[in-house]
Amino acid sequence: MKYVGEAQEAPQGAPQEEIATGERSTRNRVARSILDHGPSTVADLAGRLGLTQAAVRRHLDALAADEVVEAREQKIYGARTRGRPAKVFALTDCGRDAFDQSYDKLAADALRWIAQREGGEEAVIAFARARIAEQAGAYRTAVESADPEERTEALAKALSADGYAATARSAPVGEQLCQHHCPVAHVAEQFPQLCEAETEIFSQLLGTHVQRLATIAHGDGVCTTFIPKIAPKTTAPKNDTNASASTAGRNPA
């Protein structure tokens, strides 16, 4: 299928309906790319979609006018480089709603009923843990079948298969697991226990403490989880058992 953009103009005499359909299709591709990859610069989108930057800006202007995307200052994790951060475009709540969040109110009402009738916050936590544990079977299989240095990537692929559009990338002294989409973001905004249970299961699957840096439910463009690099295990000298015991349970300085 051909898309209408500045890099590829519509043939002269093409019906206006056909031109409009092509425009909408390309606009949807722009929005979907932001959904799959998280907040993106104009250059990022142009490279992924094979469009000129001018064409991307035109579609972003239309999406912004429809309140589907919004411009933000790019967040920098770690050391900030010189210069002004690049402008990125992220989906708004309205933009996310256009994909697959039509049952948010029903889910939130159900969780509210559970909290009121079945034991308050503890009941919600129990539900959140049971829900993610049921999902985690496929994640566990993927992680356990991968080499240790590829387990975060394997988890990202398994999450993507469940609609989370996840990626893994290197970070100082570890990795970042980025979920560019969250099917339950609006519910998690009211019930953060869903995010907490998910973070717990990531820690269990990867065998290390993990730290949530950002969540879509909290208003960030991407759910970002930091996974520290696991130091290789070393065997203590046989004649040094007392020294090992004295440091057990303490974090390294």
C-alpha atoms as a PDB file:
ATOM      1  CA  MET A   1       0.000   0.000   0.000  1.00  0.00           C
ATOM      2  CA  LYS A   2       1.338   3.449  -0.881  1.00  0.00           C
ATOM      3  CA  TYR A   3       1.188   6.294   1.609  1.00  0.00           C
ATOM      4  CA  VAL A   4       0.834   9.964   0.797  1.00  0.00           C
ATOM      5  CA  GLY A   5       3.535  12.163   2.255  1.00  0.00           C
ATOM      6  CA  GLU A   6       5.932  14.825   1.116  1.00  0.00           C
ATOM      7  CA  ALA A   7       8.396  12.118   0.136  1.00  0.00           C
ATOM      8  CA  GLN A   8       5.764  10.618  -2.178  1.00  0.00           C
ATOM      9  CA  GLU A   9       3.134  12.909  -3.608  1.00  0.00           C
ATOM     10  CA  ALA A  10      -0.265  11.721  -4.725  1.00  0.00           C
ATOM     11  CA  PRO A  11      -0.693  11.426  -8.505  1.00  0.00           C
ATOM     12  CA  GLN A  12      -2.393  14.368 -10.133  1.00  0.00           C
ATOM     13  CA  GLY A  13      -6.094  13.854 -10.555  1.00  0.00           C
ATOM     14  CA  ALA A  14      -6.324  11.327  -7.689  1.00  0.00           C
ATOM     15  CA  PRO A  15      -9.749  11.407  -6.002  1.00  0.00           C
ATOM     16  CA  GLN A  16      -9.817  13.549  -2.859  1.00  0.00           C
ATOM     17  CA  GLU A  17     -11.207  10.630  -0.847  1.00  0.00           C
ATOM     18  CA  GLU A  18      -8.213   8.489  -1.837  1.00  0.00           C
ATOM     19  CA  ILE A  19      -5.808  11.273  -0.868  1.00  0.00           C
ATOM     20  CA  ALA A  20      -7.538  11.732   2.496  1.00  0.00           C
ATOM     21  CA  THR A  21      -7.428   7.977   3.145  1.00  0.00           C
ATOM     22  CA  GLY A  22      -3.692   7.930   2.443  1.00  0.00           C
ATOM     23  CA  GLU A  23      -3.154  10.863   4.784  1.00  0.00           C
ATOM     24  CA  ARG A  24      -5.081   9.161   7.583  1.00  0.00           C
ATOM     25  CA  SER A  25      -3.176   5.924   7.042  1.00  0.00           C
ATOM     26  CA  THR A  26       0.195   7.663   7.285  1.00  0.00           C
ATOM     27  CA  ARG A  27      -0.979   9.626  10.308  1.00  0.00           C
ATOM     28  CA  ASN A  28      -1.965   6.362  11.990  1.00  0.00           C
ATOM     29  CA  ARG A  29       1.475   4.945  11.218  1.00  0.00           C
ATOM     30  CA  VAL A  30       3.073   7.945  12.914  1.00  0.00           C
ATOM     31  CA  ALA A  31       0.912   7.492  16.021  1.00  0.00           C
ATOM     32  CA  ARG A  32       1.520   3.723  16.058  1.00  0.00           C
ATOM     33  CA  SER A  33       5.279   4.241  15.808  1.00  0.00           C
ATOM     34  CA  ILE A  34       5.167   6.498  18.876  1.00  0.00           C
ATOM     35  CA  LEU A  35       3.089   3.864  20.676  1.00  0.00           C
ATOM     36  CA  ASP A  36       5.576   1.097  19.839  1.00  0.00           C
ATOM     37  CA  HIS A  37       8.786   3.043  20.452  1.00  0.00           C
ATOM     38  CA  GLY A  38       7.842   5.651  23.026  1.00  0.00           C
ATOM     39  CA  PRO A  39       8.350   9.445  22.818  1.00  0.00           C
ATOM     40  CA  SER A  40      10.169  10.127  19.546  1.00  0.00           C
ATOM     41  CA  THR A  41      11.894  12.989  17.778  1.00  0.00           C
ATOM     42  CA  VAL A  42      10.937  14.060  14.265  1.00  0.00           C
ATOM     43  CA  ALA A  43      14.194  12.527  13.011  1.00  0.00           C
ATOM     44  CA  ASP A  44      13.421   9.207  14.750  1.00  0.00           C
ATOM     45  CA  LEU A  45       9.988   9.017  13.136  1.00  0.00           C
ATOM     46  CA  ALA A  46      11.251  10.001   9.702  1.00  0.00           C
ATOM     47  CA  GLY A  47      13.911   7.291   9.823  1.00  0.00           C
ATOM     48  CA  ARG A  48      11.525   4.566  10.988  1.00  0.00           C
ATOM     49  CA  LEU A  49       8.736   5.401   8.551  1.00  0.00           C
ATOM     50  CA  GLY A  50      10.703   6.361   5.458  1.00  0.00           C
ATOM     51  CA  LEU A  51       9.242   9.884   5.306  1.00  0.00           C
ATOM     52  CA  THR A  52      10.839  13.301   5.084  1.00  0.00           C
ATOM     53  CA  GLN A  53      11.071  15.260   8.320  1.00  0.00           C
ATOM     54  CA  ALA A  54       8.819  17.909   6.771  1.00  0.00           C
ATOM     55  CA  ALA A  55       6.132  15.275   6.135  1.00  0.00           C
ATOM     56  CA  VAL A  56       6.450  13.953   9.689  1.00  0.00           C
ATOM     57  CA  ARG A  57       6.070  17.467  11.121  1.00  0.00           C
ATOM     58  CA  ARG A  58       2.927  17.985   9.066  1.00  0.00           C
ATOM     59  CA  HIS A  59       1.364  14.779  10.390  1.00  0.00           C
ATOM     60  CA  LEU A  60       2.458  15.591  13.957  1.00  0.00           C
ATOM     61  CA  ASP A  61       0.837  19.020  13.681  1.00  0.00           C
ATOM     62  CA  ALA A  62      -2.433  17.345  12.652  1.00  0.00           C
ATOM     63  CA  LEU A  63      -2.185  14.767  15.446  1.00  0.00           C
ATOM     64  CA  ALA A  64      -1.438  17.501  17.980  1.00  0.00           C
ATOM     65  CA  ALA A  65      -4.456  19.483  16.772  1.00  0.00           C
ATOM     66  CA  ASP A  66      -6.563  16.375  17.419  1.00  0.00           C
ATOM     67  CA  GLU A  67      -4.937  16.044  20.878  1.00  0.00           C
ATOM     68  CA  VAL A  68      -3.495  12.637  19.960  1.00  0.00           C
ATOM     69  CA  VAL A  69       0.155  13.637  20.519  1.00  0.00           C
ATOM     70  CA  GLU A  70       1.917  16.349  22.477  1.00  0.00           C
ATOM     71  CA  ALA A  71       5.426  17.799  22.387  1.00  0.00           C
ATOM     72  CA  ARG A  72       7.648  17.304  25.434  1.00  0.00           C
ATOM     73  CA  GLU A  73      11.220  17.969  26.439  1.00  0.00           C
ATOM     74  CA  GLN A  74      13.193  14.733  26.170  1.00  0.00           C
ATOM     75  CA  LYS A  75      13.978  13.238  29.584  1.00  0.00           C
ATOM     76  CA  ILE A  76      17.620  12.397  30.171  1.00  0.00           C
ATOM     77  CA  TYR A  77      18.522   9.576  32.559  1.00  0.00           C
ATOM     78  CA  GLY A  78      22.062   9.749  33.895  1.00  0.00           C
ATOM     79  CA  ALA A  79      24.618  12.421  33.016  1.00  0.00           C
ATOM     80  CA  ARG A  80      23.137  15.290  30.981  1.00  0.00           C
ATOM     81  CA  THR A  81      25.050  16.193  27.839  1.00  0.00           C
ATOM     82  CA  ARG A  82      25.660  19.745  26.642  1.00  0.00           C
ATOM     83  CA  GLY A  83      23.014  21.510  24.665  1.00  0.00           C
ATOM     84  CA  ARG A  84      19.268  21.780  24.868  1.00  0.00           C
ATOM     85  CA  PRO A  85      17.388  18.445  25.107  1.00  0.00           C
ATOM     86  CA  ALA A  86      15.649  17.451  21.894  1.00  0.00           C
ATOM     87  CA  LYS A  87      11.881  17.881  21.580  1.00  0.00           C
ATOM     88  CA  VAL A  88      10.027  14.571  21.490  1.00  0.00           C
ATOM     89  CA  PHE A  89       6.423  13.741  20.681  1.00  0.00           C
ATOM     90  CA  ALA A  90       4.442  11.428  22.970  1.00  0.00           C
ATOM     91  CA  LEU A  91       0.910  10.059  22.887  1.00  0.00           C
ATOM     92  CA  THR A  92      -1.628  11.831  25.060  1.00  0.00           C
ATOM     93  CA  ASP A  93      -4.201   9.951  27.125  1.00  0.00           C
ATOM     94  CA  CYS A  94      -6.614  10.566  24.264  1.00  0.00           C
ATOM     95  CA  GLY A  95      -4.110   9.057  21.837  1.00  0.00           C
ATOM     96  CA  ARG A  96      -3.692   5.937  23.936  1.00  0.00           C
ATOM     97  CA  ASP A  97      -7.452   5.606  24.248  1.00  0.00           C
ATOM     98  CA  ALA A  98      -7.666   5.309  20.473  1.00  0.00           C
ATOM     99  CA  PHE A  99      -5.871   1.969  20.616  1.00  0.00           C
ATOM    100  CA  ASP A 100      -7.168  -0.501  23.187  1.00  0.00           C
ATOM    101  CA  GLN A 101      -8.226   0.935  26.537  1.00  0.00           C
ATOM    102  CA  SER A 102     -12.011   0.866  26.192  1.00  0.00           C
ATOM    103  CA  TYR A 103     -12.496  -1.366  29.246  1.00  0.00           C
ATOM    104  CA  ASP A 104     -10.580   0.830  31.707  1.00  0.00           C
ATOM    105  CA  LYS A 105     -13.644   2.050  33.590  1.00  0.00           C
ATOM    106  CA  LEU A 106     -14.998  -1.473  34.026  1.00  0.00           C
ATOM    107  CA  ALA A 107     -11.625  -2.713  35.348  1.00  0.00           C
ATOM    108  CA  ALA A 108     -11.264   0.230  37.725  1.00  0.00           C
ATOM    109  CA  ASP A 109     -14.812  -0.264  39.017  1.00  0.00           C
ATOM    110  CA  ALA A 110     -14.103  -3.961  39.625  1.00  0.00           C
ATOM    111  CA  LEU A 111     -10.927  -3.210  41.579  1.00  0.00           C
ATOM    112  CA  ARG A 112     -12.717  -0.550  43.600  1.00  0.00           C
ATOM    113  CA  TRP A 113     -15.416  -3.106  44.456  1.00  0.00           C
ATOM    114  CA  ILE A 114     -12.751  -5.610  45.515  1.00  0.00           C
ATOM    115  CA  ALA A 115     -11.129  -2.995  47.759  1.00  0.00           C
ATOM    116  CA  GLN A 116     -14.437  -2.044  49.381  1.00  0.00           C
ATOM    117  CA  ARG A 117     -15.862  -5.516  49.834  1.00  0.00           C
ATOM    118  CA  GLU A 118     -12.935  -7.903  50.106  1.00  0.00           C
ATOM    119  CA  GLY A 119     -10.282  -6.369  52.346  1.00  0.00           C
ATOM    120  CA  GLY A 120      -9.117  -2.977  51.175  1.00  0.00           C
ATOM    121  CA  GLU A 121      -5.653  -2.382  49.750  1.00  0.00           C
ATOM    122  CA  GLU A 122      -4.398  -5.840  50.696  1.00  0.00           C
ATOM    123  CA  ALA A 123      -7.073  -7.427  48.518  1.00  0.00           C
ATOM    124  CA  VAL A 124      -6.036  -5.246  45.570  1.00  0.00           C
ATOM    125  CA  ILE A 125      -2.383  -6.203  46.084  1.00  0.00           C
ATOM    126  CA  ALA A 126      -3.332  -9.884  46.201  1.00  0.00           C
ATOM    127  CA  PHE A 127      -5.290  -9.505  42.963  1.00  0.00           C
ATOM    128  CA  ALA A 128      -2.439  -7.627  41.259  1.00  0.00           C
ATOM    129  CA  ARG A 129       0.081 -10.307  42.236  1.00  0.00           C
ATOM    130  CA  ALA A 130      -2.207 -13.141  41.126  1.00  0.00           C
ATOM    131  CA  ARG A 131      -2.842 -11.414  37.790  1.00  0.00           C
ATOM    132  CA  ILE A 132       0.819 -10.877  36.922  1.00  0.00           C
ATOM    133  CA  ALA A 133       1.771 -14.341  38.197  1.00  0.00           C
ATOM    134  CA  GLU A 134      -0.683 -15.874  35.744  1.00  0.00           C
ATOM    135  CA  GLN A 135       0.843 -13.845  32.896  1.00  0.00           C
ATOM    136  CA  ALA A 136       4.392 -14.594  33.972  1.00  0.00           C
ATOM    137  CA  GLY A 137       4.517 -18.232  32.830  1.00  0.00           C
ATOM    138  CA  ALA A 138       5.497 -17.283  29.287  1.00  0.00           C
ATOM    139  CA  TYR A 139       7.892 -14.624  30.572  1.00  0.00           C
ATOM    140  CA  ARG A 140       9.621 -17.145  32.828  1.00  0.00           C
ATOM    141  CA  THR A 141      10.037 -19.637  29.982  1.00  0.00           C
ATOM    142  CA  ALA A 142      11.576 -16.947  27.769  1.00  0.00           C
ATOM    143  CA  VAL A 143      13.953 -15.688  30.460  1.00  0.00           C
ATOM    144  CA  GLU A 144      15.101 -19.096  31.657  1.00  0.00           C
ATOM    145  CA  SER A 145      15.845 -20.282  28.118  1.00  0.00           C
ATOM    146  CA  ALA A 146      18.077 -17.259  27.406  1.00  0.00           C
ATOM    147  CA  ASP A 147      21.744 -16.784  28.259  1.00  0.00           C
ATOM    148  CA  PRO A 148      22.243 -14.660  31.416  1.00  0.00           C
ATOM    149  CA  GLU A 149      23.421 -11.610  29.464  1.00  0.00           C
ATOM    150  CA  GLU A 150      20.378 -11.798  27.164  1.00  0.00           C
ATOM    151  CA  ARG A 151      17.638 -12.258  29.751  1.00  0.00           C
ATOM    152  CA  THR A 152      16.455  -8.654  29.829  1.00  0.00           C
ATOM    153  CA  GLU A 153      16.116  -8.720  26.037  1.00  0.00           C
ATOM    154  CA  ALA A 154      14.218 -12.028  26.261  1.00  0.00           C
ATOM    155  CA  LEU A 155      11.830 -10.527  28.829  1.00  0.00           C
ATOM    156  CA  ALA A 156      11.292  -7.488  26.591  1.00  0.00           C
ATOM    157  CA  LYS A 157      10.320  -9.715  23.652  1.00  0.00           C
ATOM    158  CA  ALA A 158       7.911 -11.715  25.821  1.00  0.00           C
ATOM    159  CA  LEU A 159       6.303  -8.506  27.092  1.00  0.00           C
ATOM    160  CA  SER A 160       5.976  -7.220  23.525  1.00  0.00           C
ATOM    161  CA  ALA A 161       4.049 -10.355  22.615  1.00  0.00           C
ATOM    162  CA  ASP A 162       1.561  -9.297  25.332  1.00  0.00           C
ATOM    163  CA  GLY A 163       1.163  -5.809  23.875  1.00  0.00           C
ATOM    164  CA  TYR A 164       3.656  -3.847  25.986  1.00  0.00           C
ATOM    165  CA  ALA A 165       5.918  -2.808  23.043  1.00  0.00           C
ATOM    166  CA  ALA A 166       8.981  -3.407  25.226  1.00  0.00           C
ATOM    167  CA  THR A 167      12.659  -2.937  24.459  1.00  0.00           C
ATOM    168  CA  ALA A 168      15.912  -3.455  26.357  1.00  0.00           C
ATOM    169  CA  ARG A 169      18.863  -1.107  26.179  1.00  0.00           C
ATOM    170  CA  SER A 170      22.222  -0.661  27.849  1.00  0.00           C
ATOM    171  CA  ALA A 171      22.570   1.788  30.724  1.00  0.00           C
ATOM    172  CA  PRO A 172      25.437   2.751  33.042  1.00  0.00           C
ATOM    173  CA  VAL A 173      26.173  -0.252  35.309  1.00  0.00           C
ATOM    174  CA  GLY A 174      23.176  -2.184  34.019  1.00  0.00           C
ATOM    175  CA  GLU A 175      20.268  -2.194  31.587  1.00  0.00           C
ATOM    176  CA  GLN A 176      16.908  -0.490  31.157  1.00  0.00           C
ATOM    177  CA  LEU A 177      13.724  -2.363  30.334  1.00  0.00           C
ATOM    178  CA  CYS A 178      11.410   0.083  28.540  1.00  0.00           C
ATOM    179  CA  GLN A 179       7.697  -0.581  28.018  1.00  0.00           C
ATOM    180  CA  HIS A 180       6.432   1.909  25.456  1.00  0.00           C
ATOM    181  CA  HIS A 181       2.804   0.878  25.881  1.00  0.00           C
ATOM    182  CA  CYS A 182       0.748  -0.222  28.874  1.00  0.00           C
ATOM    183  CA  PRO A 183      -2.701  -1.719  28.206  1.00  0.00           C
ATOM    184  CA  VAL A 184      -3.764  -0.960  31.800  1.00  0.00           C
ATOM    185  CA  ALA A 185      -2.171   2.479  32.237  1.00  0.00           C
ATOM    186  CA  HIS A 186      -5.392   4.299  33.172  1.00  0.00           C
ATOM    187  CA  VAL A 187      -6.306   1.649  35.742  1.00  0.00           C
ATOM    188  CA  ALA A 188      -2.772   1.619  37.154  1.00  0.00           C
ATOM    189  CA  GLU A 189      -3.030   5.393  37.610  1.00  0.00           C
ATOM    190  CA  GLN A 190      -5.743   4.719  40.195  1.00  0.00           C
ATOM    191  CA  PHE A 191      -4.297   1.434  41.454  1.00  0.00           C
ATOM    192  CA  PRO A 192      -0.464   1.606  41.510  1.00  0.00           C
ATOM    193  CA  GLN A 193      -0.471  -1.886  43.048  1.00  0.00           C
ATOM    194  CA  LEU A 194      -0.571  -3.179  39.454  1.00  0.00           C
ATOM    195  CA  CYS A 195       2.786  -1.513  38.731  1.00  0.00           C
ATOM    196  CA  GLU A 196       4.244  -2.673  42.051  1.00  0.00           C
ATOM    197  CA  ALA A 197       3.298  -6.303  41.401  1.00  0.00           C
ATOM    198  CA  GLU A 198       4.781  -6.114  37.911  1.00  0.00           C
ATOM    199  CA  THR A 199       8.057  -4.744  39.302  1.00  0.00           C
ATOM    200  CA  GLU A 200       8.163  -7.569  41.848  1.00  0.00           C
ATOM    201  CA  ILE A 201       7.761 -10.226  39.148  1.00  0.00           C
ATOM    202  CA  PHE A 202      10.514  -8.638  37.031  1.00  0.00           C
ATOM    203  CA  SER A 203      12.832  -8.898  40.027  1.00  0.00           C
ATOM    204  CA  GLN A 204      11.924 -12.560  40.530  1.00  0.00           C
ATOM    205  CA  LEU A 205      12.335 -13.443  36.862  1.00  0.00           C
ATOM    206  CA  LEU A 206      15.699 -11.705  36.476  1.00  0.00           C
ATOM    207  CA  GLY A 207      17.054 -12.802  39.847  1.00  0.00           C
ATOM    208  CA  THR A 208      18.083  -9.337  41.014  1.00  0.00           C
ATOM    209  CA  HIS A 209      16.715  -6.199  42.637  1.00  0.00           C
ATOM    210  CA  VAL A 210      15.209  -3.862  40.027  1.00  0.00           C
ATOM    211  CA  GLN A 211      14.173  -0.218  40.264  1.00  0.00           C
ATOM    212  CA  ARG A 212      11.267   1.503  38.548  1.00  0.00           C
ATOM    213  CA  LEU A 213      12.397   4.872  37.208  1.00  0.00           C
ATOM    214  CA  ALA A 214       9.222   5.948  35.407  1.00  0.00           C
ATOM    215  CA  THR A 215       5.725   4.737  34.559  1.00  0.00           C
ATOM    216  CA  ILE A 216       3.154   5.678  31.940  1.00  0.00           C
ATOM    217  CA  ALA A 217       0.527   5.579  34.699  1.00  0.00           C
ATOM    218  CA  HIS A 218       2.434   8.343  36.507  1.00  0.00           C
ATOM    219  CA  GLY A 219       2.475  10.530  33.403  1.00  0.00           C
ATOM    220  CA  ASP A 220       5.818   9.500  31.932  1.00  0.00           C
ATOM    221  CA  GLY A 221       6.139   8.581  28.278  1.00  0.00           C
ATOM    222  CA  VAL A 222       7.593   5.133  28.957  1.00  0.00           C
ATOM    223  CA  CYS A 223       7.587   2.625  31.803  1.00  0.00           C
ATOM    224  CA  THR A 224      11.309   2.352  32.575  1.00  0.00           C
ATOM    225  CA  THR A 225      12.840  -0.262  34.880  1.00  0.00           C
ATOM    226  CA  PHE A 226      16.527  -0.281  35.768  1.00  0.00           C
ATOM    227  CA  ILE A 227      18.188  -3.698  36.047  1.00  0.00           C
ATOM    228  CA  PRO A 228      21.636  -3.509  37.672  1.00  0.00           C
ATOM    229  CA  LYS A 229      24.468  -5.549  36.260  1.00  0.00           C
ATOM    230  CA  ILE A 230      24.819  -8.769  38.255  1.00  0.00           C
ATOM    231  CA  ALA A 231      28.379  -9.251  39.468  1.00  0.00           C
ATOM    232  CA  PRO A 232      29.841 -12.707  38.737  1.00  0.00           C
ATOM    233  CA  LYS A 233      29.731 -15.034  41.699  1.00  0.00           C
ATOM    234  CA  THR A 234      33.051 -15.671  43.414  1.00  0.00           C
ATOM    235  CA  THR A 235      34.001 -18.470  45.775  1.00  0.00           C
ATOM    236  CA  ALA A 236      35.356 -17.380  49.136  1.00  0.00           C
ATOM    237  CA  PRO A 237      38.638 -18.967  50.300  1.00  0.00           C
ATOM    238  CA  LYS A 238      38.030 -21.979  52.493  1.00  0.00           C
ATOM    239  CA  ASN A 239      39.968 -20.484  55.410  1.00  0.00           C
ATOM    240  CA  ASP A 240      38.040 -17.190  55.319  1.00  0.00           C
ATOM    241  CA  THR A 241      34.562 -18.287  56.449  1.00  0.00           C
ATOM    242  CA  ASN A 242      34.474 -15.830  59.364  1.00  0.00           C
ATOM    243  CA  ALA A 243      35.140 -12.874  57.107  1.00  0.00           C
ATOM    244  CA  SER A 244      32.333 -13.950  54.742  1.00  0.00           C
ATOM    245  CA  ALA A 245      29.848 -14.306  57.549  1.00  0.00           C
ATOM    246  CA  SER A 246      30.665 -10.864  58.901  1.00  0.00           C
ATOM    247  CA  THR A 247      29.575  -9.188  55.683  1.00  0.00           C
ATOM    248  CA  ALA A 248      26.504 -11.321  54.972  1.00  0.00           C
ATOM    249  CA  GLY A 249      23.336  -9.314  54.409  1.00  0.00           C
ATOM    250  CA  ARG A 250      25.141  -5.989  54.011  1.00  0.00           C
ATOM    251  CA  ASN A 251      25.182  -3.937  50.839  1.00  0.00           C
ATOM    252  CA  PRO A 252      28.644  -3.255  49.424  1.00  0.00           C
ATOM    253  CA  ALA A 253      29.988   0.204  50.121  1.00  0.00           C
END
